[in-house]
Amino acid sequence: MFCIIFAYPGPLSSIRFERLREGIRNYEKIRILRGMLTGDGSPEAAVARRELDDFLATIRPGILEQRSAAEVTREGRRLVHRISEVAR
């Protein structure tokens, strides 16, 4: 396990820093969700896990030449939200 510490001067923030925080939060959501789906033996969980893995496999170098980052991010958020309903 590792720890990254970001030091920002005082109470200041920036768009980049907030996007970084958002990305870390989304990564953790996906990691937790995959663990939950792996532990669930239901057919629905298996389908959801495969769907999530298939989406993540589409995120590769060059994807932003075909689609905008906002579009890919939006699609990923919708998928994670929908799958998290299955994992409950």
PDB file of N, CA and C in Angstrom:
ATOM      1  N   MET A   1       0.843  -1.165   0.000  1.00  0.00           N
ATOM      2  CA  MET A   1       0.000   0.000   0.000  1.00  0.00           C
ATOM      3  C   MET A   1       0.892   1.233   0.000  1.00  0.00           C
ATOM      4  N   PHE A   2       0.416   2.289  -0.643  1.00  0.00           N
ATOM      5  CA  PHE A   2       1.188   3.509  -0.691  1.00  0.00           C
ATOM      6  C   PHE A   2       0.288   4.694  -0.387  1.00  0.00           C
ATOM      7  N   CYS A   3       0.912   5.786  -0.078  1.00  0.00           N
ATOM      8  CA  CYS A   3       0.171   6.998   0.275  1.00  0.00           C
ATOM      9  C   CYS A   3       0.761   8.162  -0.507  1.00  0.00           C
ATOM     10  N   ILE A   4      -0.103   8.937  -1.110  1.00  0.00           N
ATOM     11  CA  ILE A   4       0.332  10.122  -1.819  1.00  0.00           C
ATOM     12  C   ILE A   4      -0.183  11.327  -1.042  1.00  0.00           C
ATOM     13  N   ILE A   5       0.684  12.250  -0.778  1.00  0.00           N
ATOM     14  CA  ILE A   5       0.292  13.454  -0.052  1.00  0.00           C
ATOM     15  C   ILE A   5       0.424  14.635  -0.991  1.00  0.00           C
ATOM     16  N   PHE A   6      -0.660  15.379  -1.127  1.00  0.00           N
ATOM     17  CA  PHE A   6      -0.650  16.583  -1.935  1.00  0.00           C
ATOM     18  C   PHE A   6      -0.705  17.781  -1.004  1.00  0.00           C
ATOM     19  N   ALA A   7       0.210  18.670  -1.177  1.00  0.00           N
ATOM     20  CA  ALA A   7       0.228  19.877  -0.348  1.00  0.00           C
ATOM     21  C   ALA A   7      -0.239  21.041  -1.209  1.00  0.00           C
ATOM     22  N   TYR A   8      -1.251  21.720  -0.740  1.00  0.00           N
ATOM     23  CA  TYR A   8      -1.752  22.895  -1.428  1.00  0.00           C
ATOM     24  C   TYR A   8      -1.633  24.062  -0.472  1.00  0.00           C
ATOM     25  N   PRO A   9      -1.260  25.199  -0.950  1.00  0.00           N
ATOM     26  CA  PRO A   9      -1.081  26.339  -0.044  1.00  0.00           C
ATOM     27  C   PRO A   9      -2.408  26.832   0.524  1.00  0.00           C
ATOM     28  N   GLY A  10      -2.569  26.625   1.814  1.00  0.00           N
ATOM     29  CA  GLY A  10      -3.773  27.117   2.490  1.00  0.00           C
ATOM     30  C   GLY A  10      -5.042  26.459   1.980  1.00  0.00           C
ATOM     31  N   PRO A  11      -6.155  27.175   2.019  1.00  0.00           N
ATOM     32  CA  PRO A  11      -7.448  26.606   1.637  1.00  0.00           C
ATOM     33  C   PRO A  11      -7.712  26.690   0.133  1.00  0.00           C
ATOM     34  N   LEU A  12      -6.681  26.893  -0.666  1.00  0.00           N
ATOM     35  CA  LEU A  12      -6.855  27.052  -2.105  1.00  0.00           C
ATOM     36  C   LEU A  12      -7.065  25.714  -2.782  1.00  0.00           C
ATOM     37  N   SER A  13      -7.730  25.759  -3.897  1.00  0.00           N
ATOM     38  CA  SER A  13      -7.939  24.580  -4.709  1.00  0.00           C
ATOM     39  C   SER A  13      -7.851  25.013  -6.165  1.00  0.00           C
ATOM     40  N   SER A  14      -8.002  24.076  -7.056  1.00  0.00           N
ATOM     41  CA  SER A  14      -8.020  24.398  -8.477  1.00  0.00           C
ATOM     42  C   SER A  14      -8.871  23.346  -9.183  1.00  0.00           C
ATOM     43  N   ILE A  15      -9.204  23.619 -10.406  1.00  0.00           N
ATOM     44  CA  ILE A  15      -9.993  22.665 -11.191  1.00  0.00           C
ATOM     45  C   ILE A  15      -9.213  21.368 -11.341  1.00  0.00           C
ATOM     46  N   ARG A  16      -7.920  21.453 -11.617  1.00  0.00           N
ATOM     47  CA  ARG A  16      -7.101  20.248 -11.770  1.00  0.00           C
ATOM     48  C   ARG A  16      -7.080  19.416 -10.489  1.00  0.00           C
ATOM     49  N   PHE A  17      -6.910  20.097  -9.364  1.00  0.00           N
ATOM     50  CA  PHE A  17      -6.869  19.379  -8.093  1.00  0.00           C
ATOM     51  C   PHE A  17      -8.210  18.703  -7.814  1.00  0.00           C
ATOM     52  N   GLU A  18      -9.315  19.392  -8.076  1.00  0.00           N
ATOM     53  CA  GLU A  18     -10.638  18.802  -7.846  1.00  0.00           C
ATOM     54  C   GLU A  18     -10.882  17.628  -8.785  1.00  0.00           C
ATOM     55  N   ARG A  19     -10.441  17.726 -10.015  1.00  0.00           N
ATOM     56  CA  ARG A  19     -10.576  16.602 -10.964  1.00  0.00           C
ATOM     57  C   ARG A  19      -9.722  15.409 -10.521  1.00  0.00           C
ATOM     58  N   LEU A  20      -8.551  15.703  -9.982  1.00  0.00           N
ATOM     59  CA  LEU A  20      -7.703  14.638  -9.449  1.00  0.00           C
ATOM     60  C   LEU A  20      -8.405  13.919  -8.307  1.00  0.00           C
ATOM     61  N   ARG A  21      -8.972  14.688  -7.386  1.00  0.00           N
ATOM     62  CA  ARG A  21      -9.719  14.095  -6.262  1.00  0.00           C
ATOM     63  C   ARG A  21     -10.891  13.260  -6.776  1.00  0.00           C
ATOM     64  N   GLU A  22     -11.598  13.789  -7.767  1.00  0.00           N
ATOM     65  CA  GLU A  22     -12.725  13.072  -8.348  1.00  0.00           C
ATOM     66  C   GLU A  22     -12.265  11.759  -8.982  1.00  0.00           C
ATOM     67  N   GLY A  23     -11.143  11.797  -9.681  1.00  0.00           N
ATOM     68  CA  GLY A  23     -10.610  10.590 -10.309  1.00  0.00           C
ATOM     69  C   GLY A  23     -10.214   9.538  -9.285  1.00  0.00           C
ATOM     70  N   ILE A  24      -9.594   9.970  -8.200  1.00  0.00           N
ATOM     71  CA  ILE A  24      -9.212   9.031  -7.132  1.00  0.00           C
ATOM     72  C   ILE A  24     -10.459   8.425  -6.508  1.00  0.00           C
ATOM     73  N   ARG A  25     -11.475   9.247  -6.270  1.00  0.00           N
ATOM     74  CA  ARG A  25     -12.734   8.763  -5.692  1.00  0.00           C
ATOM     75  C   ARG A  25     -13.411   7.757  -6.635  1.00  0.00           C
ATOM     76  N   ASN A  26     -13.418   8.056  -7.928  1.00  0.00           N
ATOM     77  CA  ASN A  26     -14.025   7.127  -8.894  1.00  0.00           C
ATOM     78  C   ASN A  26     -13.258   5.812  -8.968  1.00  0.00           C
ATOM     79  N   TYR A  27     -11.936   5.891  -8.934  1.00  0.00           N
ATOM     80  CA  TYR A  27     -11.121   4.674  -8.933  1.00  0.00           C
ATOM     81  C   TYR A  27     -11.475   3.799  -7.732  1.00  0.00           C
ATOM     82  N   GLU A  28     -11.590   4.420  -6.568  1.00  0.00           N
ATOM     83  CA  GLU A  28     -11.926   3.662  -5.361  1.00  0.00           C
ATOM     84  C   GLU A  28     -13.313   3.053  -5.455  1.00  0.00           C
ATOM     85  N   LYS A  29     -14.270   3.780  -6.016  1.00  0.00           N
ATOM     86  CA  LYS A  29     -15.625   3.236  -6.206  1.00  0.00           C
ATOM     87  C   LYS A  29     -15.570   1.985  -7.079  1.00  0.00           C
ATOM     88  N   ILE A  30     -14.825   2.071  -8.170  1.00  0.00           N
ATOM     89  CA  ILE A  30     -14.725   0.935  -9.092  1.00  0.00           C
ATOM     90  C   ILE A  30     -14.037  -0.242  -8.403  1.00  0.00           C
ATOM     91  N   ARG A  31     -12.981   0.027  -7.647  1.00  0.00           N
ATOM     92  CA  ARG A  31     -12.261  -1.048  -6.946  1.00  0.00           C
ATOM     93  C   ARG A  31     -13.175  -1.749  -5.945  1.00  0.00           C
ATOM     94  N   ILE A  32     -13.926  -0.979  -5.170  1.00  0.00           N
ATOM     95  CA  ILE A  32     -14.844  -1.552  -4.180  1.00  0.00           C
ATOM     96  C   ILE A  32     -15.970  -2.307  -4.881  1.00  0.00           C
ATOM     97  N   LEU A  33     -16.513  -1.722  -5.932  1.00  0.00           N
ATOM     98  CA  LEU A  33     -17.603  -2.352  -6.669  1.00  0.00           C
ATOM     99  C   LEU A  33     -17.164  -3.674  -7.281  1.00  0.00           C
ATOM    100  N   ARG A  34     -15.988  -3.722  -7.860  1.00  0.00           N
ATOM    101  CA  ARG A  34     -15.484  -4.983  -8.434  1.00  0.00           C
ATOM    102  C   ARG A  34     -15.335  -6.050  -7.363  1.00  0.00           C
ATOM    103  N   GLY A  35     -14.854  -5.651  -6.184  1.00  0.00           N
ATOM    104  CA  GLY A  35     -14.732  -6.605  -5.078  1.00  0.00           C
ATOM    105  C   GLY A  35     -16.083  -7.145  -4.646  1.00  0.00           C
ATOM    106  N   MET A  36     -17.073  -6.270  -4.568  1.00  0.00           N
ATOM    107  CA  MET A  36     -18.415  -6.699  -4.184  1.00  0.00           C
ATOM    108  C   MET A  36     -19.007  -7.654  -5.224  1.00  0.00           C
ATOM    109  N   LEU A  37     -18.803  -7.329  -6.493  1.00  0.00           N
ATOM    110  CA  LEU A  37     -19.347  -8.176  -7.555  1.00  0.00           C
ATOM    111  C   LEU A  37     -18.643  -9.532  -7.605  1.00  0.00           C
ATOM    112  N   THR A  38     -17.359  -9.546  -7.316  1.00  0.00           N
ATOM    113  CA  THR A  38     -16.612 -10.799  -7.316  1.00  0.00           C
ATOM    114  C   THR A  38     -17.102 -11.712  -6.193  1.00  0.00           C
ATOM    115  N   GLY A  39     -17.415 -11.127  -5.045  1.00  0.00           N
ATOM    116  CA  GLY A  39     -17.884 -11.913  -3.904  1.00  0.00           C
ATOM    117  C   GLY A  39     -19.326 -12.377  -4.023  1.00  0.00           C
ATOM    118  N   ASP A  40     -20.079 -11.765  -4.928  1.00  0.00           N
ATOM    119  CA  ASP A  40     -21.486 -12.117  -5.125  1.00  0.00           C
ATOM    120  C   ASP A  40     -21.553 -13.188  -6.205  1.00  0.00           C
ATOM    121  N   GLY A  41     -22.132 -14.323  -5.887  1.00  0.00           N
ATOM    122  CA  GLY A  41     -22.179 -15.433  -6.836  1.00  0.00           C
ATOM    123  C   GLY A  41     -23.363 -15.420  -7.772  1.00  0.00           C
ATOM    124  N   SER A  42     -24.172 -14.381  -7.737  1.00  0.00           N
ATOM    125  CA  SER A  42     -25.384 -14.351  -8.569  1.00  0.00           C
ATOM    126  C   SER A  42     -25.043 -14.124 -10.038  1.00  0.00           C
ATOM    127  N   PRO A  43     -25.913 -14.602 -10.925  1.00  0.00           N
ATOM    128  CA  PRO A  43     -25.700 -14.370 -12.359  1.00  0.00           C
ATOM    129  C   PRO A  43     -25.717 -12.872 -12.711  1.00  0.00           C
ATOM    130  N   GLU A  44     -26.551 -12.102 -12.001  1.00  0.00           N
ATOM    131  CA  GLU A  44     -26.624 -10.663 -12.267  1.00  0.00           C
ATOM    132  C   GLU A  44     -25.285  -9.987 -11.957  1.00  0.00           C
ATOM    133  N   ALA A  45     -24.651 -10.407 -10.858  1.00  0.00           N
ATOM    134  CA  ALA A  45     -23.359  -9.840 -10.482  1.00  0.00           C
ATOM    135  C   ALA A  45     -22.293 -10.206 -11.511  1.00  0.00           C
ATOM    136  N   ALA A  46     -22.349 -11.428 -12.032  1.00  0.00           N
ATOM    137  CA  ALA A  46     -21.378 -11.851 -13.041  1.00  0.00           C
ATOM    138  C   ALA A  46     -21.525 -11.024 -14.321  1.00  0.00           C
ATOM    139  N   VAL A  47     -22.764 -10.766 -14.716  1.00  0.00           N
ATOM    140  CA  VAL A  47     -23.011  -9.953 -15.907  1.00  0.00           C
ATOM    141  C   VAL A  47     -22.532  -8.523 -15.671  1.00  0.00           C
ATOM    142  N   ALA A  48     -22.827  -7.981 -14.496  1.00  0.00           N
ATOM    143  CA  ALA A  48     -22.410  -6.615 -14.170  1.00  0.00           C
ATOM    144  C   ALA A  48     -20.892  -6.501 -14.142  1.00  0.00           C
ATOM    145  N   ARG A  49     -20.228  -7.484 -13.569  1.00  0.00           N
ATOM    146  CA  ARG A  49     -18.756  -7.470 -13.513  1.00  0.00           C
ATOM    147  C   ARG A  49     -18.166  -7.520 -14.916  1.00  0.00           C
ATOM    148  N   ARG A  50     -18.731  -8.357 -15.767  1.00  0.00           N
ATOM    149  CA  ARG A  50     -18.249  -8.470 -17.147  1.00  0.00           C
ATOM    150  C   ARG A  50     -18.483  -7.149 -17.899  1.00  0.00           C
ATOM    151  N   GLU A  51     -19.639  -6.536 -17.671  1.00  0.00           N
ATOM    152  CA  GLU A  51     -19.947  -5.263 -18.315  1.00  0.00           C
ATOM    153  C   GLU A  51     -18.973  -4.162 -17.863  1.00  0.00           C
ATOM    154  N   LEU A  52     -18.680  -4.135 -16.579  1.00  0.00           N
ATOM    155  CA  LEU A  52     -17.733  -3.156 -16.049  1.00  0.00           C
ATOM    156  C   LEU A  52     -16.338  -3.401 -16.615  1.00  0.00           C
ATOM    157  N   ASP A  53     -15.906  -4.648 -16.622  1.00  0.00           N
ATOM    158  CA  ASP A  53     -14.589  -4.978 -17.173  1.00  0.00           C
ATOM    159  C   ASP A  53     -14.505  -4.638 -18.664  1.00  0.00           C
ATOM    160  N   ASP A  54     -15.592  -4.895 -19.396  1.00  0.00           N
ATOM    161  CA  ASP A  54     -15.605  -4.573 -20.826  1.00  0.00           C
ATOM    162  C   ASP A  54     -15.476  -3.067 -21.054  1.00  0.00           C
ATOM    163  N   PHE A  55     -16.178  -2.282 -20.236  1.00  0.00           N
ATOM    164  CA  PHE A  55     -16.070  -0.825 -20.376  1.00  0.00           C
ATOM    165  C   PHE A  55     -14.650  -0.363 -20.060  1.00  0.00           C
ATOM    166  N   LEU A  56     -14.089  -0.865 -18.966  1.00  0.00           N
ATOM    167  CA  LEU A  56     -12.736  -0.453 -18.579  1.00  0.00           C
ATOM    168  C   LEU A  56     -11.713  -0.830 -19.650  1.00  0.00           C
ATOM    169  N   ALA A  57     -11.960  -1.934 -20.354  1.00  0.00           N
ATOM    170  CA  ALA A  57     -11.041  -2.357 -21.416  1.00  0.00           C
ATOM    171  C   ALA A  57     -11.074  -1.400 -22.608  1.00  0.00           C
ATOM    172  N   THR A  58     -12.159  -0.635 -22.752  1.00  0.00           N
ATOM    173  CA  THR A  58     -12.233   0.316 -23.867  1.00  0.00           C
ATOM    174  C   THR A  58     -11.426   1.573 -23.596  1.00  0.00           C
ATOM    175  N   ILE A  59     -11.048   1.797 -22.338  1.00  0.00           N
ATOM    176  CA  ILE A  59     -10.274   2.989 -21.997  1.00  0.00           C
ATOM    177  C   ILE A  59      -8.801   2.657 -22.229  1.00  0.00           C
ATOM    178  N   ARG A  60      -8.299   3.140 -23.325  1.00  0.00           N
ATOM    179  CA  ARG A  60      -6.944   2.820 -23.750  1.00  0.00           C
ATOM    180  C   ARG A  60      -6.344   4.040 -24.438  1.00  0.00           C
ATOM    181  N   PRO A  61      -5.052   4.024 -24.660  1.00  0.00           N
ATOM    182  CA  PRO A  61      -4.444   5.149 -25.380  1.00  0.00           C
ATOM    183  C   PRO A  61      -5.116   5.331 -26.741  1.00  0.00           C
ATOM    184  N   GLY A  62      -5.388   6.541 -27.091  1.00  0.00           N
ATOM    185  CA  GLY A  62      -6.010   6.827 -28.379  1.00  0.00           C
ATOM    186  C   GLY A  62      -7.516   6.983 -28.314  1.00  0.00           C
ATOM    187  N   ILE A  63      -8.137   6.600 -27.198  1.00  0.00           N
ATOM    188  CA  ILE A  63      -9.597   6.686 -27.099  1.00  0.00           C
ATOM    189  C   ILE A  63     -10.059   8.132 -27.233  1.00  0.00           C
ATOM    190  N   LEU A  64      -9.256   9.084 -26.745  1.00  0.00           N
ATOM    191  CA  LEU A  64      -9.666  10.485 -26.786  1.00  0.00           C
ATOM    192  C   LEU A  64      -9.560  11.088 -28.175  1.00  0.00           C
ATOM    193  N   GLU A  65      -8.994  10.352 -29.100  1.00  0.00           N
ATOM    194  CA  GLU A  65      -9.003  10.792 -30.494  1.00  0.00           C
ATOM    195  C   GLU A  65     -10.359  10.501 -31.125  1.00  0.00           C
ATOM    196  N   GLN A  66     -11.108   9.572 -30.521  1.00  0.00           N
ATOM    197  CA  GLN A  66     -12.405   9.165 -31.058  1.00  0.00           C
ATOM    198  C   GLN A  66     -13.570   9.780 -30.282  1.00  0.00           C
ATOM    199  N   ARG A  67     -13.400   9.960 -28.973  1.00  0.00           N
ATOM    200  CA  ARG A  67     -14.463  10.456 -28.100  1.00  0.00           C
ATOM    201  C   ARG A  67     -13.862  11.456 -27.114  1.00  0.00           C
ATOM    202  N   SER A  68     -14.696  12.353 -26.634  1.00  0.00           N
ATOM    203  CA  SER A  68     -14.191  13.336 -25.672  1.00  0.00           C
ATOM    204  C   SER A  68     -14.043  12.687 -24.295  1.00  0.00           C
ATOM    205  N   ALA A  69     -13.158  13.245 -23.500  1.00  0.00           N
ATOM    206  CA  ALA A  69     -12.954  12.739 -22.135  1.00  0.00           C
ATOM    207  C   ALA A  69     -14.233  12.876 -21.330  1.00  0.00           C
ATOM    208  N   ALA A  70     -14.972  13.957 -21.535  1.00  0.00           N
ATOM    209  CA  ALA A  70     -16.231  14.163 -20.814  1.00  0.00           C
ATOM    210  C   ALA A  70     -17.239  13.069 -21.154  1.00  0.00           C
ATOM    211  N   GLU A  71     -17.296  12.677 -22.408  1.00  0.00           N
ATOM    212  CA  GLU A  71     -18.228  11.633 -22.842  1.00  0.00           C
ATOM    213  C   GLU A  71     -17.872  10.286 -22.209  1.00  0.00           C
ATOM    214  N   VAL A  72     -16.600   9.933 -22.229  1.00  0.00           N
ATOM    215  CA  VAL A  72     -16.146   8.666 -21.643  1.00  0.00           C
ATOM    216  C   VAL A  72     -16.412   8.663 -20.137  1.00  0.00           C
ATOM    217  N   THR A  73     -16.115   9.779 -19.485  1.00  0.00           N
ATOM    218  CA  THR A  73     -16.327   9.889 -18.045  1.00  0.00           C
ATOM    219  C   THR A  73     -17.801   9.779 -17.695  1.00  0.00           C
ATOM    220  N   ARG A  74     -18.648  10.471 -18.455  1.00  0.00           N
ATOM    221  CA  ARG A  74     -20.098  10.405 -18.220  1.00  0.00           C
ATOM    222  C   ARG A  74     -20.616   8.982 -18.359  1.00  0.00           C
ATOM    223  N   GLU A  75     -20.189   8.309 -19.418  1.00  0.00           N
ATOM    224  CA  GLU A  75     -20.619   6.926 -19.632  1.00  0.00           C
ATOM    225  C   GLU A  75     -20.163   6.033 -18.484  1.00  0.00           C
ATOM    226  N   GLY A  76     -18.934   6.222 -18.046  1.00  0.00           N
ATOM    227  CA  GLY A  76     -18.413   5.432 -16.933  1.00  0.00           C
ATOM    228  C   GLY A  76     -19.181   5.679 -15.644  1.00  0.00           C
ATOM    229  N   ARG A  77     -19.499   6.945 -15.364  1.00  0.00           N
ATOM    230  CA  ARG A  77     -20.261   7.261 -14.146  1.00  0.00           C
ATOM    231  C   ARG A  77     -21.646   6.630 -14.186  1.00  0.00           C
ATOM    232  N   ARG A  78     -22.313   6.706 -15.346  1.00  0.00           N
ATOM    233  CA  ARG A  78     -23.642   6.091 -15.478  1.00  0.00           C
ATOM    234  C   ARG A  78     -23.566   4.585 -15.248  1.00  0.00           C
ATOM    235  N   LEU A  79     -22.557   3.954 -15.827  1.00  0.00           N
ATOM    236  CA  LEU A  79     -22.399   2.512 -15.681  1.00  0.00           C
ATOM    237  C   LEU A  79     -22.141   2.130 -14.230  1.00  0.00           C
ATOM    238  N   VAL A  80     -21.243   2.834 -13.569  1.00  0.00           N
ATOM    239  CA  VAL A  80     -20.934   2.537 -12.169  1.00  0.00           C
ATOM    240  C   VAL A  80     -22.177   2.731 -11.303  1.00  0.00           C
ATOM    241  N   HIS A  81     -22.932   3.784 -11.570  1.00  0.00           N
ATOM    242  CA  HIS A  81     -24.154   4.019 -10.793  1.00  0.00           C
ATOM    243  C   HIS A  81     -25.157   2.893 -10.993  1.00  0.00           C
ATOM    244  N   ARG A  82     -25.357   2.506 -12.256  1.00  0.00           N
ATOM    245  CA  ARG A  82     -26.323   1.430 -12.553  1.00  0.00           C
ATOM    246  C   ARG A  82     -25.874   0.107 -11.936  1.00  0.00           C
ATOM    247  N   ILE A  83     -24.594  -0.212 -12.063  1.00  0.00           N
ATOM    248  CA  ILE A  83     -24.085  -1.481 -11.524  1.00  0.00           C
ATOM    249  C   ILE A  83     -24.112  -1.475 -10.002  1.00  0.00           C
ATOM    250  N   SER A  84     -23.891  -0.328  -9.390  1.00  0.00           N
ATOM    251  CA  SER A  84     -23.913  -0.296  -7.927  1.00  0.00           C
ATOM    252  C   SER A  84     -25.300  -0.628  -7.392  1.00  0.00           C
ATOM    253  N   GLU A  85     -26.332  -0.402  -8.181  1.00  0.00           N
ATOM    254  CA  GLU A  85     -27.691  -0.799  -7.782  1.00  0.00           C
ATOM    255  C   GLU A  85     -27.802  -2.329  -7.736  1.00  0.00           C
ATOM    256  N   VAL A  86     -27.136  -3.014  -8.654  1.00  0.00           N
ATOM    257  CA  VAL A  86     -27.142  -4.477  -8.691  1.00  0.00           C
ATOM    258  C   VAL A  86     -26.372  -5.044  -7.504  1.00  0.00           C
ATOM    259  N   ALA A  87     -25.289  -4.378  -7.142  1.00  0.00           N
ATOM    260  CA  ALA A  87     -24.392  -4.891  -6.089  1.00  0.00           C
ATOM    261  C   ALA A  87     -24.959  -4.729  -4.689  1.00  0.00           C
ATOM    262  N   ARG A  88     -26.002  -3.984  -4.538  1.00  0.00           N
ATOM    263  CA  ARG A  88     -26.552  -3.766  -3.191  1.00  0.00           C
ATOM    264  C   ARG A  88     -27.172  -4.984  -2.616  1.00  0.00           C
TER     265      ARG A  88
END
